[in-house]
N, C-alpha and C. Protein backbone atom coordinates (compact mmCIF):
# COMPACT_ATOMS: atom_id res chain seq x y z
N MET A 1 126.20 -242.67 40.33
CA MET A 1 125.41 -243.08 41.47
C MET A 1 126.17 -244.08 42.33
N VAL A 2 127.37 -244.43 41.92
CA VAL A 2 128.19 -245.33 42.71
C VAL A 2 128.56 -244.65 44.02
N GLY A 3 128.46 -245.39 45.11
CA GLY A 3 128.78 -244.84 46.41
C GLY A 3 127.62 -244.07 47.03
N SER A 4 126.56 -243.88 46.30
CA SER A 4 125.40 -243.17 46.82
C SER A 4 124.27 -244.17 46.99
N CYS A 5 123.61 -244.06 48.11
CA CYS A 5 122.55 -245.03 48.41
C CYS A 5 121.36 -244.30 49.02
N LEU A 6 120.17 -244.65 48.55
CA LEU A 6 118.97 -244.06 49.14
C LEU A 6 118.81 -244.57 50.56
N PRO A 7 118.25 -243.74 51.44
CA PRO A 7 118.03 -244.21 52.82
C PRO A 7 117.03 -245.36 52.85
N LEU A 8 117.15 -246.13 53.88
CA LEU A 8 116.23 -247.25 54.04
C LEU A 8 114.80 -246.76 54.19
N ILE A 9 113.89 -247.59 53.75
CA ILE A 9 112.47 -247.30 53.93
C ILE A 9 112.07 -247.88 55.27
N VAL A 10 111.28 -247.14 56.02
CA VAL A 10 110.85 -247.58 57.34
C VAL A 10 110.06 -248.88 57.21
N ALA A 11 110.43 -249.88 57.99
CA ALA A 11 109.74 -251.18 57.94
C ALA A 11 108.32 -251.04 58.46
N ILE A 12 107.43 -251.85 57.90
CA ILE A 12 106.02 -251.81 58.30
C ILE A 12 105.85 -252.44 59.68
N ASP A 13 105.00 -251.85 60.46
CA ASP A 13 104.64 -252.41 61.76
C ASP A 13 103.72 -253.59 61.48
N ARG A 14 104.12 -254.76 61.91
CA ARG A 14 103.35 -255.99 61.63
C ARG A 14 101.93 -255.94 62.19
N ARG A 15 101.68 -255.05 63.15
CA ARG A 15 100.33 -254.93 63.73
C ARG A 15 99.41 -254.10 62.85
N LEU A 16 99.97 -253.41 61.86
CA LEU A 16 99.18 -252.57 60.97
C LEU A 16 98.41 -253.48 60.01
N ARG A 17 97.11 -253.43 60.08
CA ARG A 17 96.27 -254.31 59.27
C ARG A 17 95.95 -253.68 57.92
N TYR A 18 95.63 -254.55 56.95
CA TYR A 18 95.23 -254.06 55.62
C TYR A 18 93.97 -253.21 55.70
N SER A 19 93.14 -253.48 56.67
CA SER A 19 91.88 -252.75 56.81
C SER A 19 92.04 -251.39 57.48
N ASP A 20 93.23 -251.07 57.98
CA ASP A 20 93.47 -249.78 58.64
C ASP A 20 93.23 -248.65 57.63
N PRO A 21 92.33 -247.71 57.95
CA PRO A 21 92.01 -246.64 56.99
C PRO A 21 93.20 -245.71 56.70
N ASP A 22 94.20 -245.70 57.57
CA ASP A 22 95.38 -244.84 57.37
C ASP A 22 96.59 -245.61 56.84
N ARG A 23 96.38 -246.83 56.42
CA ARG A 23 97.51 -247.66 55.97
C ARG A 23 98.29 -246.98 54.85
N HIS A 24 97.61 -246.39 53.86
CA HIS A 24 98.32 -245.74 52.76
C HIS A 24 99.13 -244.54 53.25
N LEU A 25 98.65 -243.86 54.29
CA LEU A 25 99.41 -242.74 54.86
C LEU A 25 100.68 -243.23 55.55
N TRP A 26 100.57 -244.36 56.24
CA TRP A 26 101.74 -244.94 56.89
C TRP A 26 102.76 -245.39 55.83
N CYS A 27 102.27 -245.89 54.71
CA CYS A 27 103.16 -246.28 53.61
C CYS A 27 103.89 -245.05 53.06
N GLN A 28 103.16 -243.96 52.89
CA GLN A 28 103.78 -242.72 52.42
C GLN A 28 104.85 -242.24 53.40
N TYR A 29 104.53 -242.29 54.68
CA TYR A 29 105.48 -241.89 55.72
C TYR A 29 106.74 -242.76 55.64
N ALA A 30 106.54 -244.07 55.45
CA ALA A 30 107.67 -245.00 55.42
C ALA A 30 108.60 -244.71 54.24
N MET A 31 108.05 -244.24 53.13
CA MET A 31 108.85 -244.02 51.93
C MET A 31 109.32 -242.57 51.76
N TYR A 32 108.88 -241.67 52.60
CA TYR A 32 109.11 -240.24 52.37
C TYR A 32 110.58 -239.86 52.26
N LEU A 33 111.43 -240.34 53.16
CA LEU A 33 112.85 -239.95 53.11
C LEU A 33 113.51 -240.38 51.80
N SER A 34 113.23 -241.60 51.37
CA SER A 34 113.79 -242.07 50.11
C SER A 34 113.23 -241.26 48.94
N PHE A 35 111.95 -240.97 49.00
CA PHE A 35 111.30 -240.19 47.96
C PHE A 35 111.92 -238.79 47.87
N ALA A 36 112.05 -238.12 49.03
CA ALA A 36 112.61 -236.77 49.06
C ALA A 36 114.05 -236.76 48.54
N GLU A 37 114.83 -237.77 48.88
CA GLU A 37 116.21 -237.83 48.39
C GLU A 37 116.24 -238.08 46.88
N LEU A 38 115.34 -238.91 46.37
CA LEU A 38 115.28 -239.16 44.94
C LEU A 38 114.94 -237.87 44.18
N VAL A 39 113.96 -237.13 44.69
CA VAL A 39 113.58 -235.85 44.07
C VAL A 39 114.77 -234.90 44.10
N SER A 40 115.43 -234.79 45.24
CA SER A 40 116.58 -233.90 45.39
C SER A 40 117.70 -234.27 44.41
N LYS A 41 117.99 -235.55 44.27
CA LYS A 41 119.04 -235.99 43.35
C LYS A 41 118.67 -235.67 41.90
N ALA A 42 117.39 -235.84 41.55
CA ALA A 42 116.97 -235.54 40.18
C ALA A 42 117.08 -234.04 39.89
N VAL A 43 116.68 -233.21 40.87
CA VAL A 43 116.77 -231.75 40.71
C VAL A 43 118.24 -231.34 40.63
N ASN A 44 119.09 -231.91 41.49
CA ASN A 44 120.53 -231.60 41.47
C ASN A 44 121.18 -232.04 40.16
N ALA A 45 120.58 -233.03 39.48
CA ALA A 45 121.12 -233.49 38.20
C ALA A 45 120.67 -232.59 37.05
N GLY A 46 119.83 -231.57 37.37
CA GLY A 46 119.44 -230.62 36.35
C GLY A 46 117.99 -230.67 35.91
N TRP A 47 117.22 -231.61 36.43
CA TRP A 47 115.81 -231.69 36.08
C TRP A 47 115.01 -230.70 36.92
N GLY A 48 113.97 -230.13 36.35
CA GLY A 48 113.11 -229.21 37.10
C GLY A 48 112.22 -229.96 38.07
N GLU A 49 111.85 -229.28 39.14
CA GLU A 49 111.00 -229.94 40.15
C GLU A 49 109.69 -230.43 39.57
N ARG A 50 109.08 -229.62 38.69
CA ARG A 50 107.82 -230.05 38.07
C ARG A 50 108.04 -231.23 37.13
N GLU A 51 109.17 -231.24 36.41
CA GLU A 51 109.49 -232.38 35.54
C GLU A 51 109.64 -233.65 36.38
N VAL A 52 110.33 -233.53 37.49
CA VAL A 52 110.55 -234.68 38.37
C VAL A 52 109.21 -235.17 38.92
N ALA A 53 108.38 -234.23 39.38
CA ALA A 53 107.07 -234.61 39.93
C ALA A 53 106.23 -235.32 38.86
N ALA A 54 106.22 -234.76 37.64
CA ALA A 54 105.44 -235.37 36.55
C ALA A 54 105.98 -236.76 36.21
N ALA A 55 107.31 -236.89 36.19
CA ALA A 55 107.92 -238.18 35.88
C ALA A 55 107.57 -239.22 36.94
N LEU A 56 107.60 -238.82 38.21
CA LEU A 56 107.26 -239.74 39.29
C LEU A 56 105.79 -240.17 39.24
N VAL A 57 104.92 -239.21 38.91
CA VAL A 57 103.50 -239.55 38.78
C VAL A 57 103.31 -240.55 37.64
N ASP A 58 103.96 -240.28 36.49
CA ASP A 58 103.86 -241.19 35.36
C ASP A 58 104.41 -242.57 35.69
N LEU A 59 105.56 -242.61 36.36
CA LEU A 59 106.14 -243.90 36.74
C LEU A 59 105.20 -244.67 37.68
N ALA A 60 104.64 -243.96 38.64
CA ALA A 60 103.70 -244.62 39.57
C ALA A 60 102.46 -245.10 38.83
N ASP A 61 101.97 -244.30 37.90
CA ASP A 61 100.79 -244.67 37.12
C ASP A 61 101.07 -245.92 36.29
N HIS A 62 102.21 -245.93 35.60
CA HIS A 62 102.56 -247.10 34.79
C HIS A 62 102.75 -248.34 35.66
N HIS A 63 103.31 -248.15 36.82
CA HIS A 63 103.50 -249.27 37.75
C HIS A 63 102.14 -249.82 38.18
N MET A 64 101.21 -248.93 38.51
CA MET A 64 99.87 -249.36 38.93
C MET A 64 99.15 -250.08 37.79
N LEU A 65 99.25 -249.55 36.58
CA LEU A 65 98.62 -250.20 35.42
C LEU A 65 99.22 -251.59 35.20
N GLY A 66 100.51 -251.71 35.40
CA GLY A 66 101.16 -253.01 35.28
C GLY A 66 100.66 -253.99 36.33
N LEU A 67 100.46 -253.52 37.54
CA LEU A 67 99.94 -254.38 38.60
C LEU A 67 98.53 -254.85 38.29
N ILE A 68 97.71 -253.92 37.81
CA ILE A 68 96.33 -254.27 37.47
C ILE A 68 96.33 -255.30 36.35
N THR A 69 97.12 -255.05 35.32
CA THR A 69 97.18 -255.97 34.19
C THR A 69 97.66 -257.35 34.64
N LEU A 70 98.71 -257.39 35.45
CA LEU A 70 99.22 -258.67 35.93
C LEU A 70 98.17 -259.39 36.78
N GLY A 71 97.47 -258.63 37.61
CA GLY A 71 96.42 -259.23 38.43
C GLY A 71 95.31 -259.80 37.58
N GLU A 72 94.92 -259.06 36.55
CA GLU A 72 93.87 -259.55 35.66
C GLU A 72 94.33 -260.78 34.89
N ILE A 73 95.59 -260.77 34.47
CA ILE A 73 96.12 -261.93 33.75
C ILE A 73 96.14 -263.15 34.66
N ASP A 74 96.60 -262.97 35.90
CA ASP A 74 96.61 -264.09 36.85
C ASP A 74 95.21 -264.63 37.07
N GLU A 75 94.24 -263.73 37.21
CA GLU A 75 92.85 -264.14 37.41
C GLU A 75 92.33 -264.90 36.19
N LEU A 76 92.64 -264.38 35.01
CA LEU A 76 92.21 -265.02 33.77
C LEU A 76 92.85 -266.40 33.62
N LEU A 77 94.16 -266.49 33.89
CA LEU A 77 94.84 -267.77 33.80
C LEU A 77 94.26 -268.78 34.80
N GLY A 78 93.90 -268.30 35.98
CA GLY A 78 93.28 -269.18 36.97
C GLY A 78 91.95 -269.72 36.47
N ALA A 79 91.16 -268.85 35.85
CA ALA A 79 89.86 -269.27 35.32
C ALA A 79 90.06 -270.26 34.18
N ILE A 80 91.03 -269.98 33.31
CA ILE A 80 91.31 -270.89 32.19
C ILE A 80 91.75 -272.25 32.72
N LYS A 81 92.64 -272.22 33.70
CA LYS A 81 93.13 -273.47 34.28
C LYS A 81 91.99 -274.27 34.90
N LYS A 82 91.13 -273.58 35.63
CA LYS A 82 89.99 -274.25 36.27
C LYS A 82 89.07 -274.86 35.21
N THR A 83 88.76 -274.08 34.16
CA THR A 83 87.90 -274.57 33.09
C THR A 83 88.56 -275.74 32.36
N PHE A 84 89.84 -275.60 32.07
CA PHE A 84 90.58 -276.65 31.38
C PHE A 84 90.56 -277.93 32.20
N LEU A 85 90.85 -277.81 33.50
CA LEU A 85 90.87 -279.00 34.35
C LEU A 85 89.50 -279.64 34.44
N THR A 86 88.45 -278.81 34.47
CA THR A 86 87.09 -279.34 34.51
C THR A 86 86.80 -280.13 33.24
N HIS A 87 87.20 -279.57 32.07
CA HIS A 87 86.98 -280.27 30.81
C HIS A 87 87.79 -281.55 30.72
N ILE A 88 89.04 -281.50 31.17
CA ILE A 88 89.89 -282.69 31.17
C ILE A 88 89.29 -283.77 32.08
N GLU A 89 88.82 -283.36 33.24
CA GLU A 89 88.22 -284.30 34.17
C GLU A 89 86.97 -284.94 33.56
N ALA A 90 86.14 -284.13 32.91
CA ALA A 90 84.94 -284.65 32.25
C ALA A 90 85.33 -285.62 31.12
N PHE A 91 86.36 -285.25 30.36
CA PHE A 91 86.83 -286.10 29.27
C PHE A 91 87.32 -287.44 29.81
N ILE A 92 88.12 -287.40 30.87
CA ILE A 92 88.65 -288.63 31.47
C ILE A 92 87.51 -289.49 32.01
N ASN A 93 86.56 -288.86 32.68
CA ASN A 93 85.41 -289.62 33.21
C ASN A 93 84.63 -290.27 32.08
N GLN A 94 84.44 -289.55 30.99
CA GLN A 94 83.71 -290.08 29.84
C GLN A 94 84.46 -291.28 29.26
N ARG A 95 85.78 -291.13 29.12
CA ARG A 95 86.59 -292.22 28.56
C ARG A 95 86.59 -293.43 29.50
N GLN A 96 86.63 -293.21 30.79
CA GLN A 96 86.59 -294.31 31.75
C GLN A 96 85.25 -295.05 31.65
N GLN A 97 84.19 -294.28 31.49
CA GLN A 97 82.87 -294.89 31.37
C GLN A 97 82.79 -295.73 30.10
N ILE A 98 83.31 -295.21 29.00
CA ILE A 98 83.32 -295.95 27.75
C ILE A 98 84.13 -297.23 27.89
N CYS A 99 85.30 -297.13 28.52
CA CYS A 99 86.14 -298.30 28.73
C CYS A 99 85.42 -299.35 29.57
N CYS A 100 84.75 -298.89 30.61
CA CYS A 100 84.00 -299.82 31.46
C CYS A 100 82.89 -300.50 30.66
N GLU A 101 82.21 -299.74 29.84
CA GLU A 101 81.14 -300.31 29.01
C GLU A 101 81.70 -301.32 28.02
N VAL A 102 82.86 -301.01 27.45
CA VAL A 102 83.49 -301.94 26.50
C VAL A 102 83.89 -303.23 27.22
N VAL A 103 84.49 -303.10 28.39
CA VAL A 103 84.91 -304.28 29.16
C VAL A 103 83.69 -305.11 29.53
N LEU A 104 82.63 -304.46 30.00
CA LEU A 104 81.42 -305.19 30.36
C LEU A 104 80.80 -305.88 29.14
N SER A 105 80.81 -305.18 28.01
CA SER A 105 80.27 -305.77 26.79
C SER A 105 81.09 -306.98 26.37
N MET A 106 82.41 -306.83 26.47
CA MET A 106 83.28 -307.95 26.10
C MET A 106 83.03 -309.14 27.02
N ARG A 107 82.86 -308.89 28.29
CA ARG A 107 82.59 -309.97 29.24
C ARG A 107 81.24 -310.61 28.94
N PHE A 108 80.23 -309.77 28.68
CA PHE A 108 78.90 -310.29 28.41
C PHE A 108 78.89 -311.12 27.13
N PHE A 109 79.47 -310.55 26.06
CA PHE A 109 79.47 -311.27 24.79
C PHE A 109 80.39 -312.47 24.84
N GLY A 110 81.46 -312.38 25.61
CA GLY A 110 82.37 -313.51 25.77
C GLY A 110 81.68 -314.67 26.48
N GLN A 111 80.85 -314.37 27.49
CA GLN A 111 80.14 -315.40 28.22
C GLN A 111 79.02 -315.99 27.37
N SER A 112 78.35 -315.12 26.60
CA SER A 112 77.22 -315.63 25.79
C SER A 112 77.72 -316.53 24.66
N ARG A 113 78.92 -316.32 24.18
CA ARG A 113 79.48 -317.17 23.13
C ARG A 113 79.83 -318.56 23.67
N ARG A 114 80.26 -318.59 24.94
CA ARG A 114 80.66 -319.87 25.54
C ARG A 114 79.45 -320.75 25.78
N ARG A 115 78.31 -320.16 25.92
CA ARG A 115 77.11 -320.94 26.26
C ARG A 115 76.59 -321.63 25.09
């Protein structure tokens, strides 16, 4: 594969919004030349067209599952972090309150002893 390079993928038009109902079609269009060349190279290397198609579907499927898993992990870690920080904050507030009560008690008892 040295000296061989897939064609560039068409850059996205910055005006194309995520909410555009045809966004996925534009993405397919942008990748088509590279995709077609990849299929052609795999077939020229001796793989059958159906084998190549099945392999690409499996690769895309595994990629999507990986994205979903990573997204769920990020979401879970965010929730854990938020919960952890909430508990730490509550713990610190509780300890500060106890310290304040101890200081006040020491001041009160210290003053009552002097009298």
